[in-house]
């Protein structure tokens, strides 16, 4: 579980910054969001110990100066 969460967080942090609705990057972003949600939903209660790490990653990205990075984090939370 820990390796799975670490892997999905790493992939989320390393995804392309250029987010455009009509580009391949926009599709990659949606795939990342779907995959992240699938992993968290599949883990259910077992994901609870990792919520602080997940929230910290999202918070860091929400405070990034690049609007596209902030948008990726905002898309993940809602």
Foldseek 3Di string as FASTA:
>chain_A
DVVVVVVLLVCLVPQDLDADCPDVSVVVLVVSLVVVVVVCVVCDPVCVVCVVVVVVSLVVQCPDPRPSSVVSSVVNVD
